[in-house]
Amino acid sequence: MDEYAVLVTGATGFVGSYLCKKLIEIGFRVKGTYRNIKKINSISNIDWIGIPDVGPKTDWSKALNGVDYVIHLAGVAHRTRKEQVADYEEFMRINAYGTLNLVEQCKKYSQIKRFIYLSSVSAVCSYSREPINENKLPKPDTYYGLSKLKAETFIKRTLQDNPDYCILRPPLVYGRSNPGNMARLIKLVKKGIPLPFGQLNNKRSFVYVGNLVDIITKIIDHPLASNRTYFVSDGIDLSTKELIYLLGLCMKRKVLTFPFPTLVLKILGKIGDAMFLFKDSPIGSYSIERLVGSLIIDSNLIRKELRWVPPYTVVEGLNSMFDQSLT
């Protein structure tokens, strides 16, 4: 195959680092953007471009010159504290208007064939006991989700051809060195203390970073992915209780749970919000809701249209986080 060049924004991040290694492995030339130069040492064979800030006025010319595809991962992630007005402004500046600025500049480069955007299920909703798919009317309930939906809207209004686009909406992404809620849950399981999730009957969808990277590489030049928006997940939904038992098996640790009222857990989350109002809370309502609430994704459309089968099972994905033989 011809050697094509791909720009990966946010290449030093959790998903970006996995994606860049895979792209190089399958024969792409990779440009990657970074904010902190200290984070680029672990990934070789990448043409690194420093982008100190993603926003409405960022100059992307150096990064876009000579690339055939753009994969936009860079952005501001969830807050674990209660959201503030300042968060809304930052989310919109970086995630929404920063993305608009990038896609507008992409149109100036005729060689760019496709713009791939890593959005989030939060662009649609944060909780649902019924499976949601691409027909679900988006009603984001967080500033983060609003900013991701706004970015999607900008992309669809700006891009149709030369380049076209493809948008992915994943749930929580997990894998080795993953940040966020999965990392916090792993720490709880490692402590070996009884956990208050014995009576939870929630269900949540997840996606292993290896599966997410696999589908991203598939949609880079797949003709049927043109101007499409897809949900993507592992295809197996787990309760919090099931997840921690699987984590325990992977870590070879016994997991003990006991029944505890869900309402009380939510109240504790509200207390955590109040105690850590202006910084991330280790036990806030954001974290609690994602432990006790449900969010089920139906990702059958992308599997059917693109004939995609996730290469890793949930157990393989979870085991990879603790297998020291893997690089």
Protein backbone atom coordinates (compact mmCIF):
# COMPACT_ATOMS: atom_id res chain seq x y z
CA MET A 1 0.00 0.00 0.00
CA ASP A 2 1.05 3.61 -0.51
CA GLU A 3 2.47 5.26 2.56
CA TYR A 4 -0.03 7.80 3.81
CA ALA A 5 0.54 10.39 6.51
CA VAL A 6 -1.79 10.75 9.48
CA LEU A 7 -1.98 13.62 11.95
CA VAL A 8 -2.97 12.55 15.46
CA THR A 9 -3.80 15.43 17.78
CA GLY A 10 -3.31 14.66 21.45
CA ALA A 11 -0.85 11.93 20.50
CA THR A 12 0.73 11.74 23.96
CA GLY A 13 -2.60 11.03 25.66
CA PHE A 14 -3.97 7.68 26.76
CA VAL A 15 -5.71 6.77 23.48
CA GLY A 16 -3.23 8.71 21.34
CA SER A 17 -0.18 6.79 22.51
CA TYR A 18 -1.82 3.44 21.68
CA LEU A 19 -3.12 4.73 18.35
CA CYS A 20 0.22 6.13 17.15
CA LYS A 21 2.03 2.86 17.83
CA LYS A 22 -0.62 0.94 15.89
CA LEU A 23 -0.57 3.35 12.94
CA ILE A 24 3.21 3.04 12.63
CA GLU A 25 2.94 -0.74 12.94
CA ILE A 26 0.54 -0.99 9.97
CA GLY A 27 2.57 1.32 7.74
CA PHE A 28 1.38 4.91 8.17
CA ARG A 29 3.64 7.90 8.62
CA VAL A 30 2.53 9.70 11.76
CA LYS A 31 2.59 13.28 12.87
CA GLY A 32 1.65 13.76 16.50
CA THR A 33 0.89 16.90 18.48
CA TYR A 34 1.92 17.42 22.06
CA ARG A 35 1.64 20.05 24.78
CA ASN A 36 4.25 18.72 27.19
CA ILE A 37 7.54 17.71 25.54
CA LYS A 38 8.39 15.46 28.50
CA LYS A 39 5.69 13.01 27.42
CA ILE A 40 6.98 12.27 23.93
CA ASN A 41 10.05 10.20 24.79
CA SER A 42 8.27 6.85 25.01
CA ILE A 43 6.97 6.95 21.43
CA SER A 44 9.47 6.84 18.57
CA ASN A 45 9.18 7.21 14.77
CA ILE A 46 6.75 10.11 15.07
CA ASP A 47 7.12 13.56 13.58
CA TRP A 48 6.31 15.60 16.68
CA ILE A 49 4.63 19.00 16.45
CA GLY A 50 4.28 21.19 19.53
CA ILE A 51 0.78 22.66 19.93
CA PRO A 52 0.74 24.49 23.27
CA ASP A 53 -2.98 25.23 23.21
CA VAL A 54 -6.00 23.97 21.28
CA GLY A 55 -8.45 26.79 20.74
CA PRO A 56 -10.20 29.08 18.27
CA LYS A 57 -6.93 30.77 17.24
CA THR A 58 -4.52 27.83 17.09
CA ASP A 59 -2.32 27.74 13.99
CA TRP A 60 -2.40 24.18 12.63
CA SER A 61 -0.52 24.85 9.38
CA LYS A 62 2.69 23.06 10.37
CA ALA A 63 0.78 20.03 11.59
CA LEU A 64 -1.59 19.81 8.60
CA ASN A 65 0.99 20.28 5.88
CA GLY A 66 1.55 17.03 4.01
CA VAL A 67 -0.94 14.80 5.86
CA ASP A 68 -3.66 12.72 4.24
CA TYR A 69 -5.83 12.02 7.28
CA VAL A 70 -6.52 13.84 10.56
CA ILE A 71 -7.53 12.07 13.76
CA HIS A 72 -8.59 14.60 16.38
CA LEU A 73 -8.21 13.30 19.94
CA ALA A 74 -6.99 16.42 21.75
CA GLY A 75 -9.43 18.08 24.12
CA VAL A 76 -10.50 18.64 27.70
CA ALA A 77 -11.90 15.60 29.48
CA HIS A 78 -14.51 15.16 32.19
CA ARG A 79 -14.23 16.87 35.56
CA THR A 80 -14.77 14.73 38.64
CA ARG A 81 -15.79 17.77 40.65
CA LYS A 82 -19.11 19.58 40.31
CA GLU A 83 -18.99 21.55 37.07
CA GLN A 84 -18.52 25.29 37.25
CA VAL A 85 -19.19 28.10 34.77
CA ALA A 86 -15.44 28.29 34.14
CA ASP A 87 -15.53 24.63 33.09
CA TYR A 88 -18.24 25.38 30.53
CA GLU A 89 -16.14 28.15 29.02
CA GLU A 90 -13.04 25.96 28.86
CA PHE A 91 -14.92 23.00 27.38
CA MET A 92 -16.46 25.19 24.69
CA ARG A 93 -13.24 27.03 23.88
CA ILE A 94 -11.16 23.87 23.47
CA ASN A 95 -13.54 21.03 22.58
CA ALA A 96 -16.06 22.94 20.48
CA TYR A 97 -14.49 26.06 18.99
CA GLY A 98 -11.02 24.54 18.97
CA THR A 99 -12.40 21.73 16.82
CA LEU A 100 -14.20 24.19 14.55
CA ASN A 101 -10.96 26.07 14.00
CA LEU A 102 -9.15 22.84 13.12
CA VAL A 103 -11.76 21.60 10.62
CA GLU A 104 -11.89 25.01 8.93
CA GLN A 105 -8.13 24.88 8.44
CA CYS A 106 -8.35 21.29 7.17
CA LYS A 107 -10.47 22.51 4.25
CA LYS A 108 -7.52 24.57 3.03
CA TYR A 109 -5.49 21.41 2.35
CA SER A 110 -6.82 19.55 -0.68
CA GLN A 111 -4.81 16.40 0.03
CA ILE A 112 -6.64 15.72 3.33
CA LYS A 113 -9.13 12.95 2.67
CA ARG A 114 -10.88 12.39 6.00
CA PHE A 115 -11.26 14.00 9.42
CA ILE A 116 -11.90 11.51 12.24
CA TYR A 117 -13.23 12.88 15.52
CA LEU A 118 -13.23 11.05 18.83
CA SER A 119 -16.39 12.33 20.47
CA SER A 120 -18.11 10.66 23.43
CA VAL A 121 -21.35 8.98 24.44
CA SER A 122 -21.69 12.03 26.71
CA ALA A 123 -22.61 14.02 23.60
CA VAL A 124 -25.93 12.14 23.79
CA CYS A 125 -26.45 11.40 27.50
CA SER A 126 -24.71 10.22 30.65
CA TYR A 127 -27.23 7.65 31.89
CA SER A 128 -29.64 5.23 30.26
CA ARG A 129 -31.06 1.89 31.34
CA GLU A 130 -32.26 1.28 27.79
CA PRO A 131 -29.70 0.67 25.03
CA ILE A 132 -29.00 3.82 23.04
CA ASN A 133 -27.99 3.88 19.39
CA GLU A 134 -27.43 6.39 16.61
CA ASN A 135 -31.18 7.17 16.46
CA LYS A 136 -31.20 8.50 20.02
CA LEU A 137 -31.87 12.25 20.17
CA PRO A 138 -28.84 13.87 21.85
CA LYS A 139 -29.62 15.49 25.19
CA PRO A 140 -26.24 15.98 26.89
CA ASP A 141 -26.48 16.69 30.62
CA THR A 142 -22.93 17.89 31.30
CA TYR A 143 -20.86 20.78 30.01
CA TYR A 144 -18.40 18.25 28.64
CA GLY A 145 -21.16 16.49 26.72
CA LEU A 146 -22.50 19.79 25.40
CA SER A 147 -19.06 20.74 24.11
CA LYS A 148 -18.62 17.40 22.35
CA LEU A 149 -22.03 17.65 20.70
CA LYS A 150 -21.25 21.21 19.62
CA ALA A 151 -18.01 19.98 18.06
CA GLU A 152 -19.92 17.25 16.20
CA THR A 153 -22.34 19.87 14.88
CA PHE A 154 -19.49 22.09 13.67
CA ILE A 155 -17.86 19.13 11.91
CA LYS A 156 -21.06 18.11 10.11
CA ARG A 157 -21.78 21.68 9.01
CA THR A 158 -18.23 22.32 7.79
CA LEU A 159 -17.13 19.03 6.25
CA GLN A 160 -18.85 16.90 3.64
CA ASP A 161 -16.23 16.37 0.95
CA ASN A 162 -12.51 17.17 0.67
CA PRO A 163 -12.30 16.15 3.43
CA ASP A 164 -15.24 14.11 4.63
CA TYR A 165 -15.59 13.05 8.28
CA CYS A 166 -16.31 10.17 10.61
CA ILE A 167 -17.32 10.62 14.26
CA LEU A 168 -16.97 7.97 16.98
CA ARG A 169 -18.85 8.06 20.29
CA PRO A 170 -17.19 5.69 22.78
CA PRO A 171 -18.16 5.09 26.42
CA LEU A 172 -15.48 4.80 29.12
CA VAL A 173 -12.21 3.68 27.50
CA TYR A 174 -10.04 1.34 29.56
CA GLY A 175 -6.58 -0.16 29.24
CA ARG A 176 -3.20 -0.05 30.89
CA SER A 177 -2.38 3.38 32.33
CA ASN A 178 -5.97 4.52 31.85
CA PRO A 179 -6.94 7.60 33.82
CA GLY A 180 -10.26 8.38 35.45
CA ASN A 181 -12.88 6.16 37.04
CA MET A 182 -11.42 2.81 36.00
CA ALA A 183 -8.11 3.73 37.64
CA ARG A 184 -9.92 4.70 40.84
CA LEU A 185 -11.86 1.44 40.84
CA ILE A 186 -8.65 -0.56 40.39
CA LYS A 187 -7.17 1.18 43.43
CA LEU A 188 -10.22 0.23 45.51
CA VAL A 189 -9.97 -3.42 44.46
CA LYS A 190 -6.23 -3.48 45.20
CA LYS A 191 -6.85 -2.33 48.76
CA GLY A 192 -8.84 -5.52 49.38
CA ILE A 193 -11.46 -3.75 51.49
CA PRO A 194 -15.15 -4.73 51.30
CA LEU A 195 -16.94 -2.56 48.76
CA PRO A 196 -20.56 -1.31 49.05
CA PHE A 197 -21.76 -2.55 45.65
CA GLY A 198 -23.39 -5.84 46.63
CA GLN A 199 -26.91 -4.88 45.61
CA LEU A 200 -26.21 -2.86 42.47
CA ASN A 201 -27.98 -4.11 39.33
CA ASN A 202 -26.77 -1.43 36.95
CA LYS A 203 -25.26 -2.07 33.51
CA ARG A 204 -22.61 -0.05 31.70
CA SER A 205 -20.86 -0.31 28.35
CA PHE A 206 -17.10 0.01 28.01
CA VAL A 207 -14.54 -0.13 25.24
CA TYR A 208 -11.02 -1.51 25.51
CA VAL A 209 -8.44 0.87 24.06
CA GLY A 210 -7.18 -1.89 21.76
CA ASN A 211 -10.66 -2.28 20.28
CA LEU A 212 -11.08 1.48 19.93
CA VAL A 213 -7.73 1.82 18.17
CA ASP A 214 -8.63 -1.08 15.88
CA ILE A 215 -11.85 0.56 14.67
CA ILE A 216 -10.14 3.93 14.25
CA THR A 217 -7.58 2.35 11.92
CA LYS A 218 -10.42 0.64 10.05
CA ILE A 219 -12.41 3.83 9.41
CA ILE A 220 -9.41 5.86 8.22
CA ASP A 221 -10.08 4.95 4.60
CA HIS A 222 -13.21 2.79 4.72
CA PRO A 223 -15.59 4.09 2.03
CA LEU A 224 -18.72 3.27 4.03
CA ALA A 225 -17.53 5.36 7.00
CA SER A 226 -17.80 8.58 5.00
CA ASN A 227 -19.79 11.26 6.85
CA ARG A 228 -21.01 8.76 9.44
CA THR A 229 -21.43 8.93 13.21
CA TYR A 230 -21.10 5.71 15.20
CA PHE A 231 -21.31 4.43 18.74
CA VAL A 232 -18.54 1.97 19.55
CA SER A 233 -18.14 -0.45 22.47
CA ASP A 234 -16.87 -3.89 23.41
CA GLY A 235 -20.42 -5.22 23.01
CA ILE A 236 -20.57 -6.66 26.54
CA ASP A 237 -22.26 -4.68 29.31
CA LEU A 238 -21.22 -5.13 32.94
CA SER A 239 -22.60 -4.14 36.31
CA THR A 240 -20.19 -2.49 38.73
CA LYS A 241 -20.30 -5.66 40.80
CA GLU A 242 -19.40 -7.82 37.78
CA LEU A 243 -16.62 -5.42 36.79
CA ILE A 244 -14.91 -5.44 40.17
CA TYR A 245 -15.08 -9.23 40.34
CA LEU A 246 -13.40 -9.45 36.93
CA LEU A 247 -10.78 -6.95 38.07
CA GLY A 248 -10.21 -9.05 41.16
CA LEU A 249 -9.67 -12.16 39.03
CA CYS A 250 -7.19 -10.30 36.84
CA MET A 251 -5.27 -9.09 39.90
CA LYS A 252 -5.67 -12.44 41.70
CA ARG A 253 -7.31 -10.68 44.61
CA LYS A 254 -10.42 -11.70 46.49
CA VAL A 255 -13.20 -9.15 46.14
CA LEU A 256 -15.70 -8.69 48.96
CA THR A 257 -18.91 -6.72 48.52
CA PHE A 258 -21.78 -5.91 50.84
CA PRO A 259 -25.21 -4.40 50.19
CA PHE A 260 -25.44 -0.67 50.78
CA PRO A 261 -28.29 1.70 49.85
CA THR A 262 -27.67 3.38 46.52
CA LEU A 263 -29.34 6.54 47.76
CA VAL A 264 -26.82 6.84 50.59
CA LEU A 265 -23.94 6.46 48.10
CA LYS A 266 -25.41 9.31 46.05
CA ILE A 267 -25.71 11.48 49.16
CA LEU A 268 -22.05 10.80 49.95
CA GLY A 269 -21.23 11.94 46.43
CA LYS A 270 -23.07 15.24 47.01
CA ILE A 271 -21.11 15.72 50.23
CA GLY A 272 -17.89 15.09 48.31
CA ASP A 273 -18.92 17.76 45.79
CA ALA A 274 -19.34 20.29 48.58
CA MET A 275 -16.03 19.40 50.24
CA PHE A 276 -14.03 19.61 47.00
CA LEU A 277 -15.95 22.35 45.22
CA PHE A 278 -13.06 23.79 43.21
CA LYS A 279 -10.90 20.71 42.70
CA ASP A 280 -11.36 17.09 41.70
CA SER A 281 -13.13 15.07 44.35
CA PRO A 282 -12.01 11.50 45.13
CA ILE A 283 -15.62 10.68 46.04
CA GLY A 284 -17.95 13.09 44.28
CA SER A 285 -21.31 12.70 42.58
CA TYR A 286 -19.62 12.30 39.18
CA SER A 287 -17.70 9.21 40.34
CA ILE A 288 -20.60 7.78 42.33
CA GLU A 289 -23.11 8.14 39.49
CA ARG A 290 -20.77 6.28 37.16
CA LEU A 291 -20.44 3.48 39.66
CA VAL A 292 -24.16 3.07 40.40
CA GLY A 293 -25.84 4.35 37.22
CA SER A 294 -26.46 2.58 33.92
CA LEU A 295 -25.33 3.57 30.43
CA ILE A 296 -25.86 0.92 27.76
CA ILE A 297 -24.67 1.39 24.19
CA ASP A 298 -25.94 -0.50 21.17
CA SER A 299 -22.95 -0.55 18.82
CA ASN A 300 -24.44 -2.94 16.27
CA LEU A 301 -24.54 -0.36 13.46
CA ILE A 302 -20.77 0.00 13.12
CA ARG A 303 -20.33 -3.78 13.33
CA LYS A 304 -22.91 -4.38 10.63
CA GLU A 305 -22.00 -1.58 8.21
CA LEU A 306 -18.23 -1.94 8.46
CA ARG A 307 -18.22 -5.68 9.25
CA TRP A 308 -16.20 -4.95 12.36
CA VAL A 309 -15.57 -7.50 15.08
CA PRO A 310 -13.68 -6.26 18.17
CA PRO A 311 -10.36 -8.15 18.21
CA TYR A 312 -10.23 -8.30 22.02
CA THR A 313 -12.73 -9.66 24.53
CA VAL A 314 -13.52 -7.81 27.75
CA VAL A 315 -11.49 -10.32 29.77
CA GLU A 316 -8.51 -9.92 27.44
CA GLY A 317 -8.79 -6.15 27.70
CA LEU A 318 -8.95 -6.19 31.49
CA ASN A 319 -6.09 -8.70 31.74
CA SER A 320 -3.91 -6.48 29.57
CA MET A 321 -3.92 -3.83 32.29
CA PHE A 322 -2.04 -6.15 34.63
CA ASP A 323 0.05 -8.28 32.25
CA GLN A 324 3.60 -7.02 32.74
CA SER A 325 4.82 -8.98 29.69
CA LEU A 326 2.95 -6.64 27.36
CA THR A 327 4.62 -3.47 26.09
